[in-house]
N, C-alpha and C. Protein backbone atom coordinates (compact mmCIF):
# COMPACT_ATOMS: atom_id res chain seq x y z
N MET A 1 -16.96 -18.15 -63.25
CA MET A 1 -17.79 -17.06 -62.78
C MET A 1 -17.27 -15.74 -63.34
N PHE A 2 -18.20 -14.84 -63.64
CA PHE A 2 -17.87 -13.51 -64.16
C PHE A 2 -18.37 -12.46 -63.17
N THR A 3 -18.02 -11.21 -63.41
CA THR A 3 -18.45 -10.15 -62.50
C THR A 3 -19.21 -9.03 -63.21
N GLY A 4 -19.37 -9.13 -64.52
CA GLY A 4 -20.10 -8.09 -65.24
C GLY A 4 -19.28 -6.86 -65.53
N ILE A 5 -17.95 -6.97 -65.39
CA ILE A 5 -17.07 -5.86 -65.75
C ILE A 5 -16.47 -6.17 -67.12
N VAL A 6 -17.01 -5.55 -68.15
CA VAL A 6 -16.60 -5.84 -69.52
C VAL A 6 -15.14 -5.45 -69.73
N GLU A 7 -14.39 -6.37 -70.33
CA GLU A 7 -12.95 -6.13 -70.56
C GLU A 7 -12.67 -5.56 -71.94
N ALA A 8 -13.51 -5.89 -72.91
CA ALA A 8 -13.26 -5.42 -74.27
C ALA A 8 -14.54 -5.54 -75.08
N VAL A 9 -14.59 -4.81 -76.17
CA VAL A 9 -15.69 -4.91 -77.13
C VAL A 9 -15.13 -5.56 -78.39
N GLY A 10 -15.76 -6.65 -78.82
CA GLY A 10 -15.31 -7.36 -80.01
C GLY A 10 -16.26 -7.14 -81.18
N GLU A 11 -15.84 -7.65 -82.35
CA GLU A 11 -16.65 -7.53 -83.57
C GLU A 11 -17.03 -8.91 -84.07
N VAL A 12 -18.29 -9.10 -84.38
CA VAL A 12 -18.76 -10.37 -84.92
C VAL A 12 -18.25 -10.53 -86.35
N ARG A 13 -17.56 -11.66 -86.60
CA ARG A 13 -17.03 -11.93 -87.93
C ARG A 13 -17.91 -12.89 -88.73
N SER A 14 -18.57 -13.81 -88.04
CA SER A 14 -19.51 -14.71 -88.71
C SER A 14 -20.51 -15.20 -87.70
N VAL A 15 -21.70 -15.58 -88.19
CA VAL A 15 -22.78 -16.03 -87.31
C VAL A 15 -23.34 -17.35 -87.83
N GLY A 16 -24.18 -17.96 -87.03
CA GLY A 16 -24.75 -19.25 -87.37
C GLY A 16 -24.58 -20.17 -86.18
N PRO A 17 -24.59 -21.48 -86.43
CA PRO A 17 -24.34 -22.42 -85.33
C PRO A 17 -22.97 -22.20 -84.69
N ARG A 18 -22.04 -21.62 -85.46
CA ARG A 18 -20.73 -21.27 -84.92
C ARG A 18 -20.55 -19.76 -85.03
N LEU A 19 -20.33 -19.13 -83.88
CA LEU A 19 -20.16 -17.68 -83.80
C LEU A 19 -18.68 -17.35 -83.72
N ALA A 20 -18.20 -16.46 -84.59
CA ALA A 20 -16.81 -16.02 -84.58
C ALA A 20 -16.74 -14.55 -84.20
N VAL A 21 -15.83 -14.23 -83.27
CA VAL A 21 -15.68 -12.86 -82.76
C VAL A 21 -14.21 -12.47 -82.78
N ALA A 22 -13.95 -11.24 -83.20
CA ALA A 22 -12.58 -10.73 -83.23
C ALA A 22 -12.35 -9.73 -82.10
N SER A 23 -11.23 -9.90 -81.39
CA SER A 23 -10.85 -8.97 -80.33
C SER A 23 -9.42 -9.26 -79.91
N ARG A 24 -8.66 -8.22 -79.59
CA ARG A 24 -7.29 -8.42 -79.09
C ARG A 24 -7.30 -9.17 -77.77
N LEU A 25 -8.41 -9.11 -77.05
CA LEU A 25 -8.51 -9.75 -75.74
C LEU A 25 -8.32 -11.26 -75.83
N VAL A 26 -8.65 -11.85 -76.98
CA VAL A 26 -8.67 -13.32 -77.09
C VAL A 26 -7.40 -13.90 -77.68
N GLU A 27 -6.38 -13.09 -77.91
CA GLU A 27 -5.18 -13.59 -78.56
C GLU A 27 -4.49 -14.69 -77.76
N ALA A 28 -4.68 -14.69 -76.43
CA ALA A 28 -4.07 -15.73 -75.59
C ALA A 28 -5.06 -16.83 -75.21
N ALA A 29 -6.25 -16.78 -75.77
CA ALA A 29 -7.27 -17.77 -75.41
C ALA A 29 -6.90 -19.14 -75.95
N ALA A 30 -7.23 -20.17 -75.17
CA ALA A 30 -6.97 -21.56 -75.57
C ALA A 30 -8.27 -22.28 -75.83
N ILE A 31 -8.20 -23.34 -76.61
CA ILE A 31 -9.38 -24.16 -76.86
C ILE A 31 -9.89 -24.68 -75.51
N GLY A 32 -11.20 -24.54 -75.29
CA GLY A 32 -11.80 -24.97 -74.03
C GLY A 32 -11.99 -23.87 -73.02
N ASP A 33 -11.37 -22.70 -73.25
CA ASP A 33 -11.55 -21.57 -72.35
C ASP A 33 -12.98 -21.04 -72.42
N SER A 34 -13.43 -20.47 -71.31
CA SER A 34 -14.74 -19.84 -71.26
C SER A 34 -14.59 -18.33 -71.44
N ILE A 35 -15.47 -17.74 -72.23
CA ILE A 35 -15.53 -16.29 -72.42
C ILE A 35 -17.00 -15.91 -72.48
N ALA A 36 -17.36 -14.83 -71.80
CA ALA A 36 -18.74 -14.34 -71.85
C ALA A 36 -18.88 -13.39 -73.03
N ILE A 37 -19.83 -13.69 -73.91
CA ILE A 37 -20.13 -12.83 -75.05
C ILE A 37 -21.53 -12.25 -74.83
N ASP A 38 -21.60 -10.94 -74.63
CA ASP A 38 -22.87 -10.28 -74.29
C ASP A 38 -23.56 -10.98 -73.13
N GLY A 39 -22.75 -11.41 -72.16
CA GLY A 39 -23.29 -12.01 -70.95
C GLY A 39 -23.57 -13.49 -71.03
N VAL A 40 -23.25 -14.13 -72.15
CA VAL A 40 -23.48 -15.56 -72.33
C VAL A 40 -22.16 -16.31 -72.23
N CYS A 41 -22.05 -17.23 -71.29
CA CYS A 41 -20.82 -18.01 -71.13
C CYS A 41 -20.70 -19.01 -72.27
N LEU A 42 -19.64 -18.88 -73.07
CA LEU A 42 -19.41 -19.76 -74.22
C LEU A 42 -18.03 -20.38 -74.12
N THR A 43 -17.84 -21.48 -74.84
CA THR A 43 -16.57 -22.21 -74.82
C THR A 43 -15.84 -22.03 -76.14
N VAL A 44 -14.57 -21.66 -76.07
CA VAL A 44 -13.75 -21.48 -77.28
C VAL A 44 -13.52 -22.84 -77.93
N VAL A 45 -13.88 -22.95 -79.22
CA VAL A 45 -13.66 -24.20 -79.94
C VAL A 45 -12.64 -24.04 -81.07
N GLU A 46 -12.29 -22.79 -81.37
CA GLU A 46 -11.33 -22.53 -82.44
C GLU A 46 -10.75 -21.13 -82.24
N ARG A 47 -9.47 -20.97 -82.54
CA ARG A 47 -8.86 -19.64 -82.47
C ARG A 47 -7.85 -19.48 -83.59
N ARG A 48 -7.94 -18.35 -84.26
CA ARG A 48 -6.97 -17.97 -85.29
C ARG A 48 -6.60 -16.52 -85.07
N GLY A 49 -5.42 -16.28 -84.50
CA GLY A 49 -5.00 -14.92 -84.20
C GLY A 49 -5.93 -14.28 -83.20
N ASP A 50 -6.55 -13.17 -83.60
CA ASP A 50 -7.43 -12.46 -82.68
C ASP A 50 -8.90 -12.79 -82.93
N VAL A 51 -9.16 -13.92 -83.58
CA VAL A 51 -10.54 -14.36 -83.83
C VAL A 51 -10.77 -15.70 -83.14
N VAL A 52 -11.83 -15.76 -82.34
CA VAL A 52 -12.19 -17.01 -81.68
C VAL A 52 -13.60 -17.41 -82.12
N ALA A 53 -13.85 -18.72 -82.09
CA ALA A 53 -15.15 -19.23 -82.50
C ALA A 53 -15.77 -20.04 -81.38
N PHE A 54 -17.10 -19.99 -81.32
CA PHE A 54 -17.87 -20.70 -80.30
C PHE A 54 -19.03 -21.42 -80.99
N ASP A 55 -19.32 -22.64 -80.56
CA ASP A 55 -20.51 -23.33 -81.04
C ASP A 55 -21.70 -22.89 -80.20
N LEU A 56 -22.82 -22.59 -80.87
CA LEU A 56 -24.03 -22.17 -80.18
C LEU A 56 -25.05 -23.30 -80.21
N SER A 57 -25.42 -23.79 -79.03
CA SER A 57 -26.41 -24.84 -78.94
C SER A 57 -27.80 -24.28 -79.21
N GLN A 58 -28.75 -25.16 -79.47
CA GLN A 58 -30.13 -24.72 -79.67
C GLN A 58 -30.66 -24.03 -78.43
N GLU A 59 -30.28 -24.54 -77.24
CA GLU A 59 -30.71 -23.91 -75.99
C GLU A 59 -30.20 -22.48 -75.89
N THR A 60 -28.96 -22.25 -76.29
CA THR A 60 -28.39 -20.91 -76.27
C THR A 60 -29.13 -19.99 -77.24
N LEU A 61 -29.43 -20.49 -78.41
CA LEU A 61 -30.13 -19.67 -79.40
C LEU A 61 -31.54 -19.33 -78.95
N VAL A 62 -32.19 -20.25 -78.22
CA VAL A 62 -33.55 -20.02 -77.76
C VAL A 62 -33.60 -19.07 -76.57
N ARG A 63 -32.64 -19.21 -75.65
CA ARG A 63 -32.70 -18.49 -74.39
C ARG A 63 -32.00 -17.14 -74.41
N THR A 64 -31.23 -16.83 -75.45
CA THR A 64 -30.47 -15.59 -75.50
C THR A 64 -30.74 -14.85 -76.81
N GLY A 65 -30.14 -13.68 -76.93
CA GLY A 65 -30.28 -12.90 -78.15
C GLY A 65 -29.14 -13.10 -79.13
N LEU A 66 -28.27 -14.09 -78.90
CA LEU A 66 -27.11 -14.26 -79.79
C LEU A 66 -27.53 -14.64 -81.21
N GLY A 67 -28.68 -15.28 -81.35
CA GLY A 67 -29.15 -15.63 -82.68
C GLY A 67 -29.52 -14.43 -83.53
N GLU A 68 -29.66 -13.25 -82.89
CA GLU A 68 -30.02 -12.03 -83.61
C GLU A 68 -28.79 -11.27 -84.11
N LEU A 69 -27.61 -11.73 -83.72
CA LEU A 69 -26.38 -11.03 -84.12
C LEU A 69 -26.15 -11.12 -85.62
N ARG A 70 -25.51 -10.10 -86.16
CA ARG A 70 -25.15 -10.06 -87.57
C ARG A 70 -23.68 -9.70 -87.72
N GLU A 71 -23.11 -10.07 -88.83
CA GLU A 71 -21.70 -9.76 -89.10
C GLU A 71 -21.46 -8.26 -88.96
N GLY A 72 -20.44 -7.91 -88.21
CA GLY A 72 -20.11 -6.50 -87.99
C GLY A 72 -20.65 -5.94 -86.69
N ASP A 73 -21.58 -6.66 -86.04
CA ASP A 73 -22.11 -6.19 -84.76
C ASP A 73 -21.01 -6.19 -83.70
N ARG A 74 -21.15 -5.30 -82.72
CA ARG A 74 -20.21 -5.24 -81.61
C ARG A 74 -20.79 -6.00 -80.42
N VAL A 75 -19.91 -6.69 -79.69
CA VAL A 75 -20.34 -7.49 -78.54
C VAL A 75 -19.40 -7.26 -77.36
N ASN A 76 -19.95 -7.41 -76.16
CA ASN A 76 -19.15 -7.27 -74.93
C ASN A 76 -18.45 -8.58 -74.60
N LEU A 77 -17.18 -8.48 -74.19
CA LEU A 77 -16.39 -9.65 -73.84
C LEU A 77 -15.89 -9.55 -72.40
N GLU A 78 -15.94 -10.68 -71.70
CA GLU A 78 -15.33 -10.76 -70.36
C GLU A 78 -14.82 -12.17 -70.15
N ARG A 79 -13.59 -12.27 -69.64
CA ARG A 79 -13.05 -13.57 -69.26
C ARG A 79 -13.45 -13.88 -67.82
N PRO A 80 -13.44 -15.17 -67.44
CA PRO A 80 -13.80 -15.52 -66.06
C PRO A 80 -12.88 -14.84 -65.06
N LEU A 81 -13.40 -14.61 -63.86
CA LEU A 81 -12.63 -13.98 -62.79
C LEU A 81 -11.54 -14.92 -62.31
N ALA A 82 -10.31 -14.43 -62.29
CA ALA A 82 -9.20 -15.22 -61.75
C ALA A 82 -9.32 -15.29 -60.23
N ALA A 83 -8.76 -16.36 -59.64
CA ALA A 83 -8.88 -16.57 -58.19
C ALA A 83 -8.32 -15.39 -57.40
N ASP A 84 -7.32 -14.71 -57.95
CA ASP A 84 -6.71 -13.59 -57.25
C ASP A 84 -7.16 -12.25 -57.82
N GLY A 85 -8.26 -12.26 -58.59
CA GLY A 85 -8.73 -11.03 -59.22
C GLY A 85 -9.59 -10.20 -58.29
N ARG A 86 -9.86 -8.97 -58.70
CA ARG A 86 -10.71 -8.08 -57.92
C ARG A 86 -12.16 -8.26 -58.33
N PHE A 87 -13.05 -8.29 -57.35
CA PHE A 87 -14.47 -8.50 -57.59
C PHE A 87 -15.12 -7.13 -57.77
N GLY A 88 -15.18 -6.66 -59.01
CA GLY A 88 -15.62 -5.29 -59.25
C GLY A 88 -17.11 -5.12 -59.47
N GLY A 89 -17.83 -6.19 -59.87
CA GLY A 89 -19.25 -6.04 -60.15
C GLY A 89 -20.08 -6.85 -59.18
N HIS A 90 -20.83 -7.84 -59.71
CA HIS A 90 -21.56 -8.77 -58.85
C HIS A 90 -21.44 -10.17 -59.46
N ILE A 91 -21.95 -11.17 -58.79
CA ILE A 91 -21.82 -12.54 -59.29
C ILE A 91 -22.64 -12.70 -60.57
N VAL A 92 -21.94 -12.97 -61.66
CA VAL A 92 -22.58 -13.20 -62.96
C VAL A 92 -22.14 -14.58 -63.44
N GLN A 93 -23.09 -15.46 -63.67
CA GLN A 93 -22.77 -16.82 -64.07
C GLN A 93 -22.61 -16.99 -65.57
N GLY A 94 -23.15 -16.06 -66.33
CA GLY A 94 -23.13 -16.24 -67.78
C GLY A 94 -24.26 -17.13 -68.25
N HIS A 95 -25.25 -17.35 -67.36
CA HIS A 95 -26.44 -18.15 -67.69
C HIS A 95 -27.62 -17.19 -67.82
N VAL A 96 -27.92 -16.80 -69.03
CA VAL A 96 -28.95 -15.79 -69.28
C VAL A 96 -30.32 -16.30 -68.86
N ASP A 97 -31.07 -15.48 -68.13
CA ASP A 97 -32.41 -15.85 -67.67
C ASP A 97 -33.48 -15.55 -68.70
N GLY A 98 -33.24 -14.58 -69.55
CA GLY A 98 -34.24 -14.22 -70.55
C GLY A 98 -33.77 -13.04 -71.38
N VAL A 99 -34.51 -12.76 -72.42
CA VAL A 99 -34.18 -11.65 -73.31
C VAL A 99 -35.17 -10.52 -73.07
N GLY A 100 -34.65 -9.34 -72.75
CA GLY A 100 -35.47 -8.16 -72.57
C GLY A 100 -35.51 -7.34 -73.85
N THR A 101 -36.34 -6.31 -73.84
CA THR A 101 -36.46 -5.43 -75.00
C THR A 101 -36.21 -3.99 -74.56
N VAL A 102 -35.34 -3.30 -75.29
CA VAL A 102 -35.04 -1.91 -74.97
C VAL A 102 -36.27 -1.05 -75.27
N VAL A 103 -36.69 -0.30 -74.27
CA VAL A 103 -37.80 0.64 -74.44
C VAL A 103 -37.26 2.00 -74.88
N ALA A 104 -36.16 2.43 -74.25
CA ALA A 104 -35.58 3.72 -74.60
C ALA A 104 -34.16 3.82 -74.07
N LEU A 105 -33.34 4.61 -74.74
CA LEU A 105 -32.02 5.00 -74.25
C LEU A 105 -31.98 6.52 -74.32
N GLU A 106 -32.07 7.16 -73.17
CA GLU A 106 -32.13 8.61 -73.12
C GLU A 106 -30.84 9.18 -72.57
N ARG A 107 -30.22 10.03 -73.35
CA ARG A 107 -28.97 10.68 -72.91
C ARG A 107 -29.28 11.72 -71.84
N THR A 108 -28.39 11.81 -70.86
CA THR A 108 -28.53 12.78 -69.78
C THR A 108 -27.22 13.54 -69.65
N PRO A 109 -27.20 14.63 -68.88
CA PRO A 109 -25.94 15.37 -68.69
C PRO A 109 -24.84 14.54 -68.05
N THR A 110 -25.22 13.46 -67.35
CA THR A 110 -24.22 12.64 -66.66
C THR A 110 -24.07 11.25 -67.27
N GLY A 111 -24.63 11.03 -68.46
CA GLY A 111 -24.50 9.72 -69.10
C GLY A 111 -25.76 9.37 -69.87
N ALA A 112 -26.48 8.35 -69.42
CA ALA A 112 -27.71 7.95 -70.09
C ALA A 112 -28.55 7.09 -69.15
N THR A 113 -29.83 7.03 -69.45
CA THR A 113 -30.74 6.14 -68.74
C THR A 113 -31.28 5.12 -69.73
N LEU A 114 -31.10 3.84 -69.40
CA LEU A 114 -31.56 2.76 -70.25
C LEU A 114 -32.81 2.15 -69.62
N THR A 115 -33.90 2.10 -70.38
CA THR A 115 -35.13 1.48 -69.91
C THR A 115 -35.35 0.18 -70.67
N VAL A 116 -35.58 -0.89 -69.91
CA VAL A 116 -35.71 -2.22 -70.50
C VAL A 116 -37.01 -2.86 -70.03
N GLU A 117 -37.72 -3.49 -70.96
CA GLU A 117 -38.88 -4.31 -70.60
C GLU A 117 -38.40 -5.73 -70.35
N ALA A 118 -38.66 -6.24 -69.16
CA ALA A 118 -38.18 -7.57 -68.78
C ALA A 118 -39.24 -8.62 -69.04
N PRO A 119 -38.83 -9.86 -69.32
CA PRO A 119 -39.82 -10.94 -69.44
C PRO A 119 -40.61 -11.08 -68.14
N ASP A 120 -41.84 -11.56 -68.25
CA ASP A 120 -42.72 -11.65 -67.09
C ASP A 120 -42.11 -12.46 -65.95
N ASP A 121 -41.42 -13.56 -66.27
CA ASP A 121 -40.91 -14.44 -65.22
C ASP A 121 -39.61 -13.97 -64.62
N LEU A 122 -39.11 -12.82 -65.08
CA LEU A 122 -37.84 -12.30 -64.57
C LEU A 122 -38.04 -11.16 -63.58
N GLY A 123 -39.15 -10.47 -63.69
CA GLY A 123 -39.40 -9.28 -62.88
C GLY A 123 -39.34 -9.54 -61.38
N ARG A 124 -39.73 -10.74 -60.96
CA ARG A 124 -39.77 -11.02 -59.51
C ARG A 124 -38.38 -11.06 -58.89
N TYR A 125 -37.34 -11.15 -59.70
CA TYR A 125 -35.98 -11.18 -59.17
C TYR A 125 -35.33 -9.79 -59.10
N LEU A 126 -36.02 -8.78 -59.60
CA LEU A 126 -35.46 -7.44 -59.66
C LEU A 126 -35.95 -6.60 -58.49
N VAL A 127 -35.03 -5.87 -57.87
CA VAL A 127 -35.37 -4.95 -56.79
C VAL A 127 -34.61 -3.65 -57.02
N GLU A 128 -35.20 -2.54 -56.59
CA GLU A 128 -34.51 -1.26 -56.72
C GLU A 128 -33.21 -1.29 -55.93
N LYS A 129 -32.16 -0.80 -56.54
CA LYS A 129 -30.80 -0.77 -56.02
C LYS A 129 -30.17 -2.17 -56.00
N GLY A 130 -30.86 -3.14 -56.59
CA GLY A 130 -30.28 -4.47 -56.72
C GLY A 130 -29.49 -4.58 -58.02
N SER A 131 -28.84 -5.72 -58.21
CA SER A 131 -27.98 -5.92 -59.37
C SER A 131 -28.70 -6.67 -60.49
N VAL A 132 -28.32 -6.35 -61.73
CA VAL A 132 -28.80 -7.06 -62.90
C VAL A 132 -27.71 -6.95 -63.96
N ALA A 133 -27.55 -8.00 -64.76
CA ALA A 133 -26.59 -7.96 -65.87
C ALA A 133 -27.37 -7.75 -67.17
N VAL A 134 -26.97 -6.72 -67.92
CA VAL A 134 -27.60 -6.42 -69.21
C VAL A 134 -26.53 -6.57 -70.28
N ASP A 135 -26.70 -7.55 -71.17
CA ASP A 135 -25.68 -7.88 -72.17
C ASP A 135 -24.31 -8.05 -71.52
N GLY A 136 -24.32 -8.65 -70.32
CA GLY A 136 -23.07 -8.96 -69.64
C GLY A 136 -22.50 -7.84 -68.81
N VAL A 137 -23.19 -6.72 -68.71
CA VAL A 137 -22.69 -5.56 -67.96
C VAL A 137 -23.38 -5.50 -66.60
N SER A 138 -22.61 -5.48 -65.52
CA SER A 138 -23.15 -5.39 -64.18
C SER A 138 -23.69 -3.99 -63.93
N LEU A 139 -25.00 -3.90 -63.63
CA LEU A 139 -25.65 -2.61 -63.44
C LEU A 139 -26.55 -2.64 -62.21
N THR A 140 -26.94 -1.46 -61.76
CA THR A 140 -27.83 -1.33 -60.61
C THR A 140 -29.19 -0.83 -61.06
N VAL A 141 -30.23 -1.50 -60.60
CA VAL A 141 -31.59 -1.10 -60.94
C VAL A 141 -31.90 0.23 -60.26
N ALA A 142 -32.19 1.26 -61.07
CA ALA A 142 -32.46 2.59 -60.52
C ALA A 142 -33.95 2.84 -60.32
N ARG A 143 -34.77 2.22 -61.16
CA ARG A 143 -36.23 2.38 -61.06
C ARG A 143 -36.86 1.10 -61.54
N LEU A 144 -38.00 0.77 -60.93
CA LEU A 144 -38.63 -0.51 -61.24
C LEU A 144 -40.14 -0.37 -61.18
N ASP A 145 -40.84 -0.89 -62.21
CA ASP A 145 -42.29 -1.00 -62.12
C ASP A 145 -42.70 -2.40 -62.54
N ARG A 146 -43.94 -2.61 -62.87
CA ARG A 146 -44.44 -3.97 -63.10
C ARG A 146 -43.80 -4.64 -64.31
N THR A 147 -43.47 -3.87 -65.34
CA THR A 147 -42.97 -4.48 -66.57
C THR A 147 -41.59 -3.99 -67.01
N THR A 148 -41.15 -2.84 -66.52
CA THR A 148 -39.88 -2.28 -66.98
C THR A 148 -38.98 -1.88 -65.82
N PHE A 149 -37.71 -1.69 -66.13
CA PHE A 149 -36.76 -1.16 -65.15
C PHE A 149 -35.79 -0.23 -65.84
N ASP A 150 -35.22 0.70 -65.05
CA ASP A 150 -34.21 1.63 -65.54
C ASP A 150 -32.86 1.32 -64.93
N VAL A 151 -31.81 1.54 -65.69
CA VAL A 151 -30.44 1.52 -65.17
C VAL A 151 -29.74 2.78 -65.65
N ALA A 152 -28.90 3.33 -64.81
CA ALA A 152 -28.14 4.53 -65.18
C ALA A 152 -26.80 4.10 -65.76
N LEU A 153 -26.44 4.71 -66.88
CA LEU A 153 -25.17 4.41 -67.55
C LEU A 153 -24.26 5.63 -67.46
N VAL A 154 -23.13 5.47 -66.79
CA VAL A 154 -22.16 6.57 -66.69
C VAL A 154 -21.34 6.62 -67.97
N PRO A 155 -20.64 7.73 -68.23
CA PRO A 155 -19.87 7.85 -69.47
C PRO A 155 -18.88 6.71 -69.70
N HIS A 156 -18.24 6.20 -68.64
CA HIS A 156 -17.30 5.10 -68.82
C HIS A 156 -18.00 3.86 -69.36
N THR A 157 -19.17 3.54 -68.82
CA THR A 157 -19.92 2.38 -69.30
C THR A 157 -20.31 2.55 -70.76
N LEU A 158 -20.73 3.76 -71.14
CA LEU A 158 -21.09 4.02 -72.52
C LEU A 158 -19.89 3.87 -73.45
N ALA A 159 -18.70 4.24 -72.96
CA ALA A 159 -17.51 4.17 -73.80
C ALA A 159 -16.91 2.76 -73.85
N ALA A 160 -17.04 1.99 -72.77
CA ALA A 160 -16.34 0.71 -72.66
C ALA A 160 -17.20 -0.49 -73.01
N THR A 161 -18.48 -0.29 -73.28
CA THR A 161 -19.39 -1.39 -73.61
C THR A 161 -20.21 -1.03 -74.85
N THR A 162 -21.08 -1.95 -75.24
CA THR A 162 -21.95 -1.71 -76.40
C THR A 162 -23.29 -1.08 -76.03
N LEU A 163 -23.52 -0.81 -74.75
CA LEU A 163 -24.84 -0.36 -74.33
C LEU A 163 -25.23 0.98 -74.95
N GLY A 164 -24.25 1.80 -75.26
CA GLY A 164 -24.54 3.09 -75.89
C GLY A 164 -25.02 2.96 -77.32
N ASP A 165 -24.87 1.76 -77.92
CA ASP A 165 -25.33 1.53 -79.29
C ASP A 165 -26.80 1.14 -79.34
N LEU A 166 -27.41 0.86 -78.18
CA LEU A 166 -28.76 0.32 -78.17
C LEU A 166 -29.81 1.34 -78.60
N ALA A 167 -30.90 0.81 -79.15
CA ALA A 167 -32.03 1.65 -79.55
C ALA A 167 -33.32 0.91 -79.21
N ALA A 168 -34.41 1.64 -79.17
CA ALA A 168 -35.71 1.05 -78.84
C ALA A 168 -35.99 -0.14 -79.74
N GLY A 169 -36.43 -1.24 -79.12
CA GLY A 169 -36.74 -2.45 -79.85
C GLY A 169 -35.64 -3.48 -79.88
N ASP A 170 -34.42 -3.08 -79.51
CA ASP A 170 -33.30 -4.02 -79.52
C ASP A 170 -33.44 -5.06 -78.41
N PRO A 171 -33.04 -6.31 -78.67
CA PRO A 171 -33.05 -7.32 -77.62
C PRO A 171 -31.79 -7.21 -76.77
N VAL A 172 -31.91 -7.52 -75.47
CA VAL A 172 -30.75 -7.53 -74.58
C VAL A 172 -30.83 -8.77 -73.70
N ASN A 173 -29.67 -9.39 -73.46
CA ASN A 173 -29.60 -10.54 -72.58
C ASN A 173 -29.65 -10.09 -71.13
N LEU A 174 -30.51 -10.72 -70.34
CA LEU A 174 -30.66 -10.35 -68.94
C LEU A 174 -30.33 -11.53 -68.04
N GLU A 175 -29.56 -11.26 -67.01
CA GLU A 175 -29.31 -12.26 -65.96
C GLU A 175 -29.56 -11.62 -64.61
N ALA A 176 -30.50 -12.18 -63.87
CA ALA A 176 -30.80 -11.66 -62.54
C ALA A 176 -29.74 -12.08 -61.55
N ASP A 177 -29.71 -11.39 -60.43
CA ASP A 177 -28.77 -11.71 -59.36
C ASP A 177 -29.06 -13.13 -58.86
N VAL A 178 -28.05 -13.99 -58.89
CA VAL A 178 -28.25 -15.39 -58.49
C VAL A 178 -28.69 -15.51 -57.03
N ILE A 179 -28.32 -14.55 -56.20
CA ILE A 179 -28.71 -14.61 -54.79
C ILE A 179 -30.23 -14.56 -54.66
N ALA A 180 -30.89 -13.75 -55.48
CA ALA A 180 -32.35 -13.66 -55.45
C ALA A 180 -32.97 -15.00 -55.80
N LYS A 181 -32.37 -15.72 -56.75
CA LYS A 181 -32.92 -17.01 -57.15
C LYS A 181 -32.74 -18.05 -56.05
N TYR A 182 -31.62 -18.01 -55.36
CA TYR A 182 -31.40 -18.94 -54.26
C TYR A 182 -32.38 -18.66 -53.11
N VAL A 183 -32.63 -17.38 -52.84
CA VAL A 183 -33.57 -17.03 -51.78
C VAL A 183 -34.96 -17.56 -52.11
N GLU A 184 -35.39 -17.37 -53.37
CA GLU A 184 -36.70 -17.86 -53.77
C GLU A 184 -36.78 -19.38 -53.63
N ARG A 185 -35.77 -20.09 -54.06
CA ARG A 185 -35.79 -21.55 -53.97
C ARG A 185 -35.80 -22.01 -52.52
N SER A 186 -35.07 -21.31 -51.66
CA SER A 186 -35.04 -21.66 -50.24
C SER A 186 -36.43 -21.48 -49.63
N GLU A 187 -37.11 -20.39 -49.99
CA GLU A 187 -38.44 -20.14 -49.45
C GLU A 187 -39.43 -21.18 -49.95
N GLU A 188 -39.30 -21.59 -51.21
CA GLU A 188 -40.17 -22.63 -51.75
C GLU A 188 -39.97 -23.94 -51.00
N HIS A 189 -38.71 -24.28 -50.73
CA HIS A 189 -38.40 -25.52 -50.03
C HIS A 189 -38.95 -25.48 -48.60
N THR A 190 -38.83 -24.33 -47.97
CA THR A 190 -39.34 -24.20 -46.60
C THR A 190 -40.85 -24.36 -46.56
N SER A 191 -41.55 -23.76 -47.53
CA SER A 191 -43.01 -23.86 -47.56
C SER A 191 -43.46 -25.28 -47.85
N GLU A 192 -42.67 -26.04 -48.64
CA GLU A 192 -43.01 -27.42 -48.93
C GLU A 192 -42.93 -28.29 -47.69
N LEU A 193 -42.02 -27.93 -46.76
CA LEU A 193 -41.84 -28.72 -45.55
C LEU A 193 -42.89 -28.41 -44.49
N GLN A 194 -43.53 -27.25 -44.62
CA GLN A 194 -44.51 -26.85 -43.62
C GLN A 194 -45.89 -27.39 -43.99
N SER A 195 -46.51 -28.09 -43.05
CA SER A 195 -47.84 -28.64 -43.29
C SER A 195 -48.89 -27.56 -43.07
N PRO A 196 -49.94 -27.54 -43.89
CA PRO A 196 -51.02 -26.55 -43.68
C PRO A 196 -51.88 -26.88 -42.47
N TYR A 197 -51.67 -28.03 -41.89
CA TYR A 197 -52.48 -28.45 -40.75
C TYR A 197 -51.59 -28.65 -39.53
N VAL A 198 -52.09 -28.31 -38.38
CA VAL A 198 -51.39 -28.53 -37.13
C VAL A 198 -52.19 -29.57 -36.34
N ILE A 199 -51.58 -30.71 -36.07
CA ILE A 199 -52.27 -31.79 -35.40
C ILE A 199 -51.70 -31.91 -33.99
N SER A 200 -52.56 -31.87 -33.01
CA SER A 200 -52.13 -31.99 -31.61
C SER A 200 -52.49 -33.35 -31.09
N TYR A 201 -51.56 -33.94 -30.38
CA TYR A 201 -51.79 -35.24 -29.78
C TYR A 201 -51.69 -35.09 -28.27
N ALA A 202 -52.65 -35.68 -27.57
CA ALA A 202 -52.61 -35.68 -26.10
C ALA A 202 -52.38 -37.11 -25.62
N VAL A 203 -51.51 -37.27 -24.70
CA VAL A 203 -51.20 -38.59 -24.15
C VAL A 203 -51.81 -38.69 -22.76
N PHE A 204 -52.68 -39.66 -22.53
CA PHE A 204 -53.33 -39.83 -21.25
C PHE A 204 -52.75 -41.07 -20.57
């Protein structure tokens, strides 16, 4: 499990079915370790110094924006939360729900406002002041309408992540708050158990 608190920004060294990323953060990584790259939980299959490699399945390429990466691109890195670690963001599984599209990144006196168009099937999980992960960064929804949402980026987030590099049209990996998905599934299960008819029996 991750929390959406980015630990480092790495550089893409090679792309394809095997993605290689360079970062000082991974120097102690072992084969089989999990690392979130732009919010996608991946497994280390090779390490050489400060470069680690991950195999990308077809499902990962279809469901995320990792297939759009190019050599030299910057990516957000986070290791799984240790059992004794501090929970600084929200529950992030590293299982991307869909790819959004950046509408705008507008600088403000206190940071920036990022506007993202979400896929149609993702919008129902978003609520104002609720949590969402954008390229692996835990953020709070500041404004929400039928197709887009805004998140506020403080200067630290702009400096410590890749979100400040975004421009209109860029793809971003989105993961909704898992609690919202569990609530929806629970409600569906409850409605399945409820009959649309009420039958009364009288015993004489």
